[in-house]
Protein backbone atom coordinates (compact mmCIF):
# COMPACT_ATOMS: atom_id res chain seq x y z
CA MET A 1 41.47 192.50 -148.09
CA ILE A 2 38.37 191.25 -146.47
CA GLY A 3 35.64 191.63 -148.62
CA MET A 4 31.59 191.96 -148.03
CA PHE A 5 31.56 187.79 -148.61
CA GLU A 6 34.59 186.64 -146.10
CA ARG A 7 35.94 183.54 -147.13
CA LYS A 8 35.87 181.82 -143.74
CA ARG A 9 32.39 180.38 -143.21
CA PRO A 10 30.34 180.58 -140.05
CA ASN A 11 30.55 177.46 -137.85
CA ARG A 12 28.26 174.60 -139.17
CA THR A 13 26.96 173.78 -135.83
CA SER A 14 25.45 177.77 -135.74
CA THR A 15 23.99 177.90 -138.88
CA GLU A 16 22.15 174.30 -138.50
CA ASN A 17 21.55 175.81 -134.94
CA LEU A 18 19.93 179.23 -136.54
CA LYS A 19 18.12 177.01 -139.26
CA LYS A 20 16.20 174.97 -136.81
CA ILE A 21 15.34 178.38 -134.34
CA VAL A 22 14.28 179.69 -138.08
CA GLY A 23 12.39 176.67 -138.86
CA ASP A 24 10.58 176.60 -135.57
CA HIS A 25 9.76 180.17 -135.28
CA PHE A 26 7.89 179.90 -138.73
CA GLY A 27 6.69 176.38 -138.36
CA LEU A 28 8.42 175.48 -141.76
CA SER A 29 7.91 172.48 -143.11
CA GLU A 30 10.84 169.87 -145.07
CA ASN A 31 9.61 171.52 -148.12
CA ASP A 32 10.69 175.18 -147.18
CA PHE A 33 14.13 176.16 -147.59
CA VAL A 34 16.04 178.52 -145.27
CA SER A 35 19.60 179.76 -146.40
CA ILE A 36 22.16 181.84 -144.29
CA SER A 37 24.81 184.71 -145.32
CA GLU A 38 26.90 185.92 -143.09
CA LEU A 39 28.38 189.23 -144.66
CA ASN A 40 31.21 191.88 -143.73
CA CYS A 41 29.99 195.20 -143.42
CA LEU A 42 32.46 197.51 -145.33
CA GLU A 43 30.33 201.07 -144.44
CA ALA A 44 31.49 203.46 -141.45
CA GLY A 45 29.36 203.24 -138.68
CA CYS A 46 27.75 200.01 -139.53
CA PRO A 47 28.36 196.66 -137.46
CA SER A 48 31.08 194.49 -138.21
CA LYS A 49 28.87 191.44 -138.98
CA GLU A 50 25.43 191.17 -140.74
CA THR A 51 23.30 187.60 -141.26
CA VAL A 52 20.81 187.89 -143.78
CA VAL A 53 18.32 184.81 -143.44
CA SER A 54 16.37 183.96 -146.55
CA ILE A 55 13.38 181.91 -146.00
CA HIS A 56 11.99 180.01 -149.17
CA SER A 57 9.01 178.46 -148.87
CA SER A 58 7.38 175.60 -150.85
CA SER A 59 4.34 177.84 -152.18
CA GLY A 60 7.02 180.05 -153.83
CA GLU A 61 7.19 183.24 -151.26
CA MET A 62 10.11 184.42 -150.18
CA LYS A 63 11.05 186.16 -146.77
CA SER A 64 14.47 188.03 -145.72
CA LEU A 65 15.58 188.82 -142.28
CA LYS A 66 18.27 190.97 -141.89
CA VAL A 67 20.30 190.61 -138.23
CA GLN A 68 23.38 192.90 -137.36
CA LYS A 69 25.49 189.87 -135.85
CA SER A 70 27.30 186.94 -136.49
CA VAL A 71 25.50 183.50 -136.89
CA ALA A 72 27.03 182.40 -133.89
CA GLU A 73 25.74 185.15 -131.90
CA ILE A 74 21.96 184.94 -132.93
CA SER A 75 19.26 183.32 -130.59
CA SER A 76 15.71 182.77 -130.97
CA SER A 77 14.70 186.13 -129.20
CA ASP A 78 16.49 187.69 -132.04
CA ILE A 79 14.46 186.12 -134.64
CA GLU A 80 11.17 187.00 -132.06
CA ASN A 81 11.89 190.61 -132.00
CA LEU A 82 12.48 190.74 -135.88
CA VAL A 83 8.99 189.22 -136.55
CA LEU A 84 7.34 191.80 -133.94
CA LYS A 85 8.97 194.99 -135.80
């Protein structure tokens, strides 16, 4: 049975590209940290994959963004659209 956290990790290149998109969009510095988690949704009616992007700034602030796509499917416009909401 596949759980919420699938053992197979997203492609490293896709993860690094997403971190760069997030860093560029938010103007993050080298002292800020971006964490990417790809989850399987187990609830009826939700997308099969959800990606959670957590931004930990050097000032101690934390922001989490959720995209209902796999890491490999997320584009810069997806991140921009989240910020506009």
